[in-house]
């Protein structure tokens, strides 16, 4: 803008000089005849000299050839260059992928973020050569015609399932017709994924609660009707109803726990946890269930003073889930081994991490199930999981807790041999 103001100032100066020269020339023409008409030679000479001086001054004030006679073309070129520079600056300043498109000149400019999405993007190229999505092209054409902002869903050829929303905004105020538009692209893949996850979560939770509720309701109706006076049926039905109520309680408890863990996802724990003491406490809590199936649990600490950084209650839940799963899904009369490593390195320095391994010699898990084990409500065998009291949320909770603790979870399994879960946590220093 400063460039345009300076150019206009010079243009006005040239106009003033031309006007001054014209006035001086007119004075010369007017003064001489007037003096001659007066019939006084002395006065005529004086008027003539004054007119001559004025004429010389006007001639000197006249703009020199080549000095300012190119002001308007230069101003036009500089204004066009500044306008082009402004479009480039505007696109570069946008945080989202941005493209500026002319009505007839094709793509005027774009930023680096847009280039990362549209591989064929090039200045001067028509928009149809970059993306041919019908909804997107129609929205751009509508903005040029109406001057109103539009949005459109955008699909990329060969994309990885990504979902984009394009916003097309007219440029140049309310002028008609619109000569350029700004296209900004927003990636909504993550929002869509979270929405789908939330929808699936609600559907799965509703299904998990509906089944035991339907069972309890059916037994209540039976006890109120045909089995009202049947003592044996009443005892059997009440036992099943108690089991279903316990199942719903476990599910609700796990849902609440998962919600609390997600709320604190960005709050990193800083406490010190003695892992050997924590693991022994978990083993004592699960011992009755293991004894029922005659499963032997052994803890093999490498050191008696392994400490990790974390929240005690949440890590208790992590190891309780893993060891309980090993007992529930292991083999009757089998074994579960818990191994702790960390402490000192070979050079005598303290290790940066501690590792807890939980291994069973159960039936194992087929390879196709391993990547999905930490998904909510995912079960290798839904029937067996419900029979042993699983909610399908244990490993999902474990994953979220470990993410909060900057920990890692890995699993290895061989069908017919057993499954091994490995937890890696930052050591406390």
Protein backbone atom coordinates (compact mmCIF):
# COMPACT_ATOMS: atom_id res chain seq x y z
CA UNK A 1 0.00 0.00 0.00
CA UNK A 2 2.90 2.39 0.70
CA UNK A 3 4.14 1.77 -2.85
CA UNK A 4 0.74 2.72 -4.29
CA UNK A 5 0.52 5.90 -2.14
CA UNK A 6 4.01 7.06 -3.26
CA UNK A 7 3.15 6.44 -6.90
CA UNK A 8 -0.11 8.39 -6.59
CA UNK A 9 1.76 11.24 -4.89
CA UNK A 10 4.23 11.48 -7.77
CA UNK A 11 1.35 11.35 -10.24
CA UNK A 12 -0.39 14.28 -8.50
CA UNK A 13 2.90 16.31 -8.49
CA UNK A 14 3.24 15.87 -12.24
CA UNK A 15 -0.35 17.05 -12.73
CA UNK A 16 0.28 20.17 -10.67
CA UNK A 17 3.42 21.06 -12.70
CA UNK A 18 1.54 20.67 -15.97
CA UNK A 19 -1.20 22.96 -14.68
CA UNK A 20 1.32 25.57 -13.53
CA UNK A 21 3.05 25.54 -16.92
CA UNK A 22 -0.27 25.98 -18.67
CA UNK A 23 -1.14 28.99 -16.48
CA UNK A 24 2.26 30.61 -17.17
CA UNK A 25 1.91 30.08 -20.93
CA UNK A 26 -1.55 31.64 -20.83
CA UNK A 27 -0.11 34.63 -18.98
CA UNK A 28 2.46 35.18 -21.74
CA UNK A 29 -0.21 35.08 -24.41
CA UNK A 30 -2.52 37.40 -22.47
CA UNK A 31 -0.04 39.98 -21.14
CA UNK A 32 1.66 41.00 -24.40
CA UNK A 33 -1.51 41.93 -26.29
CA UNK A 34 -2.82 43.73 -23.24
CA UNK A 35 0.34 45.82 -22.93
CA UNK A 36 0.42 46.64 -26.63
CA UNK A 37 -3.20 47.67 -26.48
CA UNK A 38 -2.36 50.15 -23.70
CA UNK A 39 -0.12 52.13 -26.17
CA UNK A 40 2.65 52.56 -23.60
CA UNK A 41 6.00 51.13 -24.89
CA UNK A 42 7.65 51.19 -21.45
CA UNK A 43 4.77 49.37 -19.84
CA UNK A 44 4.68 46.95 -22.78
CA UNK A 45 8.36 46.16 -22.24
CA UNK A 46 7.80 45.56 -18.56
CA UNK A 47 4.79 43.28 -19.26
CA UNK A 48 6.78 41.52 -21.93
CA UNK A 49 9.70 40.79 -19.58
CA UNK A 50 7.32 39.56 -16.88
CA UNK A 51 5.59 37.28 -19.34
CA UNK A 52 8.97 36.03 -20.56
CA UNK A 53 10.08 35.18 -16.99
CA UNK A 54 6.76 33.45 -16.34
CA UNK A 55 7.08 31.46 -19.54
CA UNK A 56 10.60 30.33 -18.62
CA UNK A 57 9.40 29.27 -15.18
CA UNK A 58 6.51 27.33 -16.72
CA UNK A 59 8.86 25.65 -19.17
CA UNK A 60 11.16 24.58 -16.34
CA UNK A 61 8.20 23.25 -14.39
CA UNK A 62 7.03 21.09 -17.33
CA UNK A 63 7.86 17.38 -16.69
CA UNK A 64 10.87 16.09 -18.58
CA UNK A 65 10.37 13.45 -21.20
CA UNK A 66 10.51 9.93 -19.75
CA UNK A 67 10.41 11.10 -16.14
CA UNK A 68 6.75 10.82 -15.15
CA UNK A 69 4.95 9.95 -18.38
CA UNK A 70 5.06 6.26 -17.34
CA UNK A 71 3.51 6.79 -13.89
CA UNK A 72 0.18 5.14 -14.67
CA UNK A 73 1.60 2.01 -16.40
CA UNK A 74 4.18 1.62 -13.60
CA UNK A 75 1.48 2.04 -10.95
CA UNK A 76 -0.64 -0.61 -12.66
CA UNK A 77 2.22 -3.09 -12.83
CA UNK A 78 3.25 -2.48 -9.22
CA UNK A 79 -0.34 -2.76 -7.98
CA UNK A 80 -0.74 -6.06 -9.82
CA UNK A 81 2.52 -7.36 -8.36
CA UNK A 82 1.46 -6.28 -4.86
CA UNK A 83 -1.94 -7.98 -5.31
CA UNK A 84 -0.20 -11.20 -6.35
CA UNK A 85 2.11 -10.92 -3.36
CA UNK A 86 -0.91 -10.39 -1.08
CA UNK A 87 -2.56 -13.63 -2.28
CA UNK A 88 0.64 -15.56 -1.66
CA UNK A 89 0.99 -14.07 1.81
CA UNK A 90 -2.64 -14.84 2.59
CA UNK A 91 -2.29 -18.50 1.60
CA UNK A 92 0.99 -18.86 3.50
CA UNK A 93 -0.55 -17.37 6.64
CA UNK A 94 -3.40 -19.90 6.75
CA UNK A 95 -2.85 -22.70 9.32
CA UNK A 96 -4.95 -25.15 7.28
CA UNK A 97 -4.25 -26.25 3.71
CA UNK A 98 -5.25 -23.27 1.52
CA UNK A 99 -5.65 -22.67 -2.22
CA UNK A 100 -6.52 -19.38 -3.95
CA UNK A 101 -8.35 -19.99 -7.21
CA UNK A 102 -9.08 -17.46 -9.96
CA UNK A 103 -12.21 -17.59 -12.11
CA UNK A 104 -10.29 -17.97 -15.37
CA UNK A 105 -6.62 -18.03 -14.34
CA UNK A 106 -6.81 -21.39 -12.52
CA UNK A 107 -4.87 -21.85 -9.30
CA UNK A 108 -3.24 -18.53 -8.35
CA UNK A 109 -1.29 -19.71 -5.31
CA UNK A 110 -1.34 -22.22 -2.43
CA UNK A 111 0.55 -23.04 0.76
CA UNK A 112 2.77 -25.96 1.69
CA UNK A 113 0.03 -27.69 3.68
CA UNK A 114 -2.17 -27.85 0.57
CA UNK A 115 0.70 -29.21 -1.48
CA UNK A 116 1.06 -32.07 1.01
CA UNK A 117 -2.56 -33.12 0.39
CA UNK A 118 -2.91 -32.51 -3.35
CA UNK A 119 0.06 -34.10 -5.08
CA UNK A 120 -0.82 -32.64 -8.50
CA UNK A 121 -1.21 -29.07 -7.24
CA UNK A 122 0.47 -26.55 -9.53
CA UNK A 123 0.13 -22.80 -10.15
CA UNK A 124 -2.00 -21.98 -13.18
CA UNK A 125 -3.55 -25.46 -13.31
CA UNK A 126 -7.38 -25.73 -13.48
CA UNK A 127 -8.97 -27.06 -10.29
CA UNK A 128 -10.50 -30.03 -12.15
CA UNK A 129 -6.98 -31.30 -12.90
CA UNK A 130 -6.23 -31.42 -9.17
CA UNK A 131 -9.44 -32.96 -7.81
CA UNK A 132 -12.58 -34.03 -9.64
CA UNK A 133 -14.90 -34.63 -6.71
CA UNK A 134 -18.31 -33.56 -8.10
CA UNK A 135 -19.59 -32.05 -4.83
CA UNK A 136 -16.38 -30.05 -4.40
CA UNK A 137 -16.32 -28.72 -7.98
CA UNK A 138 -20.02 -27.80 -7.81
CA UNK A 139 -19.50 -25.90 -4.54
CA UNK A 140 -16.62 -23.86 -6.03
CA UNK A 141 -18.71 -22.99 -9.10
CA UNK A 142 -21.62 -21.93 -6.87
CA UNK A 143 -19.40 -19.52 -4.92
CA UNK A 144 -18.22 -17.86 -8.15
CA UNK A 145 -21.86 -17.50 -9.27
CA UNK A 146 -23.50 -16.38 -6.01
CA UNK A 147 -20.63 -14.85 -4.00
CA UNK A 148 -21.74 -16.84 -0.93
CA UNK A 149 -19.50 -19.07 1.18
CA UNK A 150 -20.01 -22.82 0.74
CA UNK A 151 -18.68 -26.03 2.32
CA UNK A 152 -18.32 -29.43 0.72
CA UNK A 153 -17.12 -32.88 1.64
CA UNK A 154 -13.91 -33.76 -0.14
CA UNK A 155 -12.62 -37.18 -1.08
CA UNK A 156 -9.11 -37.84 -2.32
CA UNK A 157 -8.33 -40.44 -4.93
CA UNK A 158 -6.18 -43.18 -3.41
CA UNK A 159 -6.67 -41.73 0.08
CA UNK A 160 -6.32 -43.73 3.30
CA UNK A 161 -9.93 -43.36 4.36
CA UNK A 162 -9.39 -39.73 5.34
CA UNK A 163 -12.34 -37.35 5.51
CA UNK A 164 -11.93 -33.69 4.56
CA UNK A 165 -14.22 -30.66 4.64
CA UNK A 166 -13.49 -27.87 2.13
CA UNK A 167 -14.64 -24.30 2.86
CA UNK A 168 -14.86 -22.02 -0.20
CA UNK A 169 -14.84 -18.29 0.60
CA UNK A 170 -15.21 -15.48 -2.00
CA UNK A 171 -12.45 -12.86 -2.08
CA UNK A 172 -12.72 -9.20 -2.97
CA UNK A 173 -15.67 -8.13 -0.86
CA UNK A 174 -19.12 -7.90 -2.48
CA UNK A 175 -17.93 -7.21 -5.99
CA UNK A 176 -19.75 -9.02 -8.78
CA UNK A 177 -18.62 -11.11 -10.48
CA UNK A 178 -16.25 -12.74 -7.96
CA UNK A 179 -12.75 -12.99 -9.45
CA UNK A 180 -11.08 -15.27 -6.86
CA UNK A 181 -11.97 -17.63 -4.03
CA UNK A 182 -10.09 -19.00 -1.02
CA UNK A 183 -10.36 -22.78 -0.49
CA UNK A 184 -9.38 -24.09 2.95
CA UNK A 185 -9.34 -27.80 3.75
CA UNK A 186 -9.83 -29.30 7.21
CA UNK A 187 -9.03 -32.93 8.03
CA UNK A 188 -11.90 -34.35 10.09
CA UNK A 189 -10.71 -37.97 10.03
CA UNK A 190 -9.90 -38.00 13.74
CA UNK A 191 -13.21 -36.43 14.73
CA UNK A 192 -15.04 -38.96 12.57
CA UNK A 193 -13.07 -41.81 14.09
CA UNK A 194 -13.89 -40.62 17.60
CA UNK A 195 -17.56 -40.28 16.66
CA UNK A 196 -17.62 -43.83 15.30
CA UNK A 197 -15.81 -45.09 18.40
CA UNK A 198 -18.31 -43.32 20.66
CA UNK A 199 -21.23 -44.74 18.66
CA UNK A 200 -19.81 -48.27 18.80
CA UNK A 201 -19.08 -47.88 22.49
CA UNK A 202 -22.66 -46.86 23.29
CA UNK A 203 -24.06 -49.67 21.15
CA UNK A 204 -21.78 -52.28 22.76
CA UNK A 205 -22.41 -51.03 26.29
CA UNK A 206 -26.16 -51.05 25.67
CA UNK A 207 -25.96 -54.60 24.32
CA UNK A 208 -23.89 -55.80 27.26
CA UNK A 209 -26.39 -54.35 29.73
CA UNK A 210 -29.49 -55.37 27.79
CA UNK A 211 -28.70 -59.09 27.90
CA UNK A 212 -28.50 -59.50 31.69
CA UNK A 213 -31.37 -57.06 32.19
CA UNK A 214 -33.58 -59.11 29.86
CA UNK A 215 -32.57 -62.25 31.75
CA UNK A 216 -33.37 -60.72 35.16
CA UNK A 217 -36.67 -59.34 33.91
CA UNK A 218 -37.68 -62.72 32.48
CA UNK A 219 -36.95 -64.51 35.75
CA UNK A 220 -38.86 -61.90 37.74
CA UNK A 221 -41.92 -62.37 35.52
CA UNK A 222 -41.63 -66.15 35.91
CA UNK A 223 -41.39 -65.90 39.69
CA UNK A 224 -44.37 -63.59 39.76
CA UNK A 225 -46.39 -66.01 37.64
CA UNK A 226 -46.07 -69.78 37.09
CA UNK A 227 -43.17 -70.35 39.54
CA UNK A 228 -44.66 -68.27 42.33
CA UNK A 229 -45.00 -71.23 44.64
CA UNK A 230 -42.19 -73.42 43.21
CA UNK A 231 -39.46 -73.34 45.86
CA UNK A 232 -36.82 -75.14 43.72
CA UNK A 233 -37.41 -72.87 40.72
CA UNK A 234 -37.28 -69.80 42.94
CA UNK A 235 -33.90 -70.82 44.35
CA UNK A 236 -32.48 -71.56 40.89
CA UNK A 237 -33.80 -68.35 39.34
CA UNK A 238 -32.63 -66.15 42.20
CA UNK A 239 -29.13 -67.61 41.89
CA UNK A 240 -29.04 -66.78 38.16
CA UNK A 241 -30.44 -63.30 38.81
CA UNK A 242 -27.70 -62.64 41.36
CA UNK A 243 -25.05 -63.68 38.82
CA UNK A 244 -26.54 -61.39 36.16
CA UNK A 245 -26.71 -58.49 38.62
CA UNK A 246 -23.05 -59.07 39.51
CA UNK A 247 -22.19 -59.08 35.81
CA UNK A 248 -23.92 -55.72 35.32
CA UNK A 249 -22.13 -54.34 38.38
CA UNK A 250 -18.73 -55.39 36.97
CA UNK A 251 -19.57 -53.83 33.63
CA UNK A 252 -20.65 -50.53 35.16
CA UNK A 253 -17.58 -50.47 37.41
CA UNK A 254 -15.31 -51.02 34.40
CA UNK A 255 -17.10 -48.30 32.41
CA UNK A 256 -16.67 -45.83 35.24
CA UNK A 257 -13.02 -46.79 35.67
CA UNK A 258 -12.38 -46.37 31.94
CA UNK A 259 -14.05 -42.96 32.02
CA UNK A 260 -11.89 -41.82 34.96
CA UNK A 261 -8.72 -43.02 33.25
CA UNK A 262 -9.59 -41.16 30.04
CA UNK A 263 -10.29 -37.95 31.97
CA UNK A 264 -6.77 -38.05 33.44
CA UNK A 265 -5.06 -39.08 30.19
CA UNK A 266 -2.90 -35.92 30.07
CA UNK A 267 -1.99 -35.88 33.77
CA UNK A 268 1.21 -37.85 34.15
CA UNK A 269 1.61 -39.62 37.54
CA UNK A 270 4.75 -38.92 39.56
CA UNK A 271 4.44 -41.26 42.55
CA UNK A 272 6.83 -44.10 43.48
CA UNK A 273 5.47 -47.67 43.36
CA UNK A 274 7.27 -50.73 44.71
CA UNK A 275 6.38 -53.23 42.00
CA UNK A 276 7.34 -56.37 43.93
CA UNK A 277 4.99 -55.41 46.77
CA UNK A 278 2.21 -54.45 44.34
CA UNK A 279 2.47 -57.72 42.37
CA UNK A 280 2.40 -59.82 45.55
CA UNK A 281 -0.74 -57.95 46.67
CA UNK A 282 -2.43 -58.69 43.32
CA UNK A 283 -1.47 -62.38 43.52
CA UNK A 284 -2.99 -62.66 47.00
CA UNK A 285 -6.24 -61.10 45.73
CA UNK A 286 -6.50 -63.57 42.83
CA UNK A 287 -5.32 -66.65 44.77
CA UNK A 288 -8.85 -67.99 45.56
CA UNK A 289 -9.85 -67.96 41.88
CA UNK A 290 -6.58 -69.67 40.91
CA UNK A 291 -7.05 -72.33 43.61
CA UNK A 292 -10.51 -73.10 42.21
CA UNK A 293 -8.92 -74.12 38.93
CA UNK A 294 -5.79 -75.58 40.55
CA UNK A 295 -3.57 -73.03 38.81
CA UNK A 296 -0.16 -72.31 40.32
CA UNK A 297 1.02 -68.68 40.40
CA UNK A 298 4.70 -67.85 40.93
CA UNK A 299 6.47 -64.48 41.16
CA UNK A 300 10.10 -64.26 40.10
CA UNK A 301 11.51 -60.84 40.97
CA UNK A 302 14.99 -60.09 39.73
CA UNK A 303 15.36 -57.60 42.58
CA UNK A 304 13.43 -57.02 45.77
CA UNK A 305 13.44 -53.24 45.29
CA UNK A 306 12.04 -52.53 41.82
CA UNK A 307 10.30 -49.16 41.77
CA UNK A 308 8.24 -47.63 38.98
CA UNK A 309 6.79 -44.17 38.53
CA UNK A 310 3.01 -44.19 38.61
CA UNK A 311 -0.36 -44.25 40.33
CA UNK A 312 -0.69 -47.23 42.70
CA UNK A 313 -4.44 -47.85 42.23
CA UNK A 314 -4.25 -47.70 38.45
CA UNK A 315 -1.21 -49.97 38.22
CA UNK A 316 -2.91 -52.38 40.62
CA UNK A 317 -5.79 -52.53 38.14
CA UNK A 318 -3.38 -53.15 35.23
CA UNK A 319 -1.68 -56.16 36.83
CA UNK A 320 -4.94 -57.43 38.30
CA UNK A 321 -6.45 -57.49 34.78
CA UNK A 322 -3.46 -59.29 33.26
CA UNK A 323 -3.00 -61.90 36.00
CA UNK A 324 -6.76 -62.48 36.33
CA UNK A 325 -7.02 -63.01 32.55
CA UNK A 326 -4.18 -65.53 32.73
CA UNK A 327 -6.12 -67.43 35.40
CA UNK A 328 -9.53 -67.13 33.71
CA UNK A 329 -8.42 -68.11 30.23
CA UNK A 330 -5.57 -70.44 31.18
CA UNK A 331 -5.63 -74.22 31.44
CA UNK A 332 -7.07 -76.04 34.47
CA UNK A 333 -4.17 -77.26 36.56
CA UNK A 334 -1.81 -74.99 34.61
CA UNK A 335 0.57 -72.26 35.74
CA UNK A 336 0.97 -68.50 35.64
CA UNK A 337 4.44 -67.00 35.94
CA UNK A 338 5.05 -63.34 36.77
CA UNK A 339 8.59 -62.13 36.13
CA UNK A 340 9.99 -58.70 37.14
CA UNK A 341 13.14 -57.29 35.59
CA UNK A 342 14.94 -53.95 35.80
CA UNK A 343 17.15 -52.73 38.60
CA UNK A 344 20.78 -52.53 37.46
CA UNK A 345 22.26 -52.76 33.99
CA UNK A 346 25.36 -54.78 33.19
CA UNK A 347 27.53 -51.68 33.74
CA UNK A 348 26.07 -51.19 37.23
CA UNK A 349 23.94 -48.18 36.31
CA UNK A 350 20.24 -48.00 37.09
CA UNK A 351 17.87 -49.08 34.32
CA UNK A 352 15.52 -46.52 32.82
CA UNK A 353 12.61 -48.98 32.73
CA UNK A 354 11.17 -51.90 34.64
CA UNK A 355 9.45 -54.83 32.95
CA UNK A 356 6.72 -57.13 34.23
CA UNK A 357 5.96 -60.29 32.26
CA UNK A 358 2.80 -62.37 32.83
CA UNK A 359 2.90 -65.77 31.08
CA UNK A 360 0.43 -68.67 31.13
CA UNK A 361 0.45 -72.11 29.50
CA UNK A 362 -3.15 -71.97 28.37
CA UNK A 363 -4.68 -72.62 24.92
CA UNK A 364 -3.16 -69.47 23.40
CA UNK A 365 -4.64 -66.88 21.05
CA UNK A 366 -4.77 -67.07 17.26
CA UNK A 367 -2.60 -64.43 15.47
CA UNK A 368 -5.55 -62.64 13.83
CA UNK A 369 -6.94 -61.69 17.24
CA UNK A 370 -3.76 -60.18 18.72
CA UNK A 371 -3.95 -56.68 17.13
CA UNK A 372 -7.49 -56.15 18.43
CA UNK A 373 -7.18 -57.40 22.00
CA UNK A 374 -7.15 -53.89 23.51
CA UNK A 375 -10.29 -52.73 21.69
CA UNK A 376 -13.30 -52.07 23.87
CA UNK A 377 -15.64 -55.06 24.15
CA UNK A 378 -13.49 -57.15 21.84
CA UNK A 379 -13.41 -60.82 22.82
CA UNK A 380 -11.69 -63.81 21.28
CA UNK A 381 -14.59 -65.97 22.48
CA UNK A 382 -17.60 -63.93 23.62
CA UNK A 383 -19.39 -66.93 25.11
CA UNK A 384 -16.40 -68.09 27.14
CA UNK A 385 -15.68 -64.51 28.25
CA UNK A 386 -19.20 -64.04 29.60
CA UNK A 387 -19.10 -67.42 31.26
CA UNK A 388 -15.99 -66.55 33.25
CA UNK A 389 -17.22 -63.04 34.05
CA UNK A 390 -15.31 -60.94 31.52
CA UNK A 391 -16.64 -57.54 30.44
CA UNK A 392 -14.43 -57.03 27.39
CA UNK A 393 -12.99 -53.83 28.88
CA UNK A 394 -10.04 -55.10 30.94
CA UNK A 395 -7.35 -54.79 28.28
CA UNK A 396 -8.79 -51.48 27.03
CA UNK A 397 -8.43 -50.10 30.56
CA UNK A 398 -4.92 -51.55 30.75
CA UNK A 399 -3.91 -49.82 27.51
CA UNK A 400 -5.26 -46.42 28.60
CA UNK A 401 -3.58 -46.61 32.01
CA UNK A 402 -0.23 -47.52 30.46
CA UNK A 403 -0.55 -44.69 27.93
CA UNK A 404 -1.00 -42.27 30.82
CA UNK A 405 2.08 -43.76 32.53
CA UNK A 406 4.19 -43.58 29.33
CA UNK A 407 4.30 -47.35 29.46
CA UNK A 408 4.02 -50.04 26.79
CA UNK A 409 2.04 -53.26 26.45
CA UNK A 410 2.95 -56.11 24.13
CA UNK A 411 1.56 -59.61 23.69
CA UNK A 412 2.91 -62.83 22.22
CA UNK A 413 0.92 -66.02 21.90
CA UNK A 414 1.25 -69.48 20.38
CA UNK A 415 -1.90 -71.55 19.95
CA UNK A 416 -1.69 -74.61 22.20
CA UNK A 417 1.33 -73.29 24.12
CA UNK A 418 0.28 -70.16 25.97
CA UNK A 419 0.21 -66.35 26.03
CA UNK A 420 2.69 -63.81 27.36
CA UNK A 421 1.88 -60.17 28.17
CA UNK A 422 4.75 -57.75 28.77
CA UNK A 423 4.41 -54.39 30.53
CA UNK A 424 7.24 -51.82 30.36
CA UNK A 425 7.12 -48.84 32.76
CA UNK A 426 9.48 -45.93 33.45
CA UNK A 427 11.64 -46.68 36.48
CA UNK A 428 11.47 -44.35 39.46
CA UNK A 429 14.73 -42.52 40.09
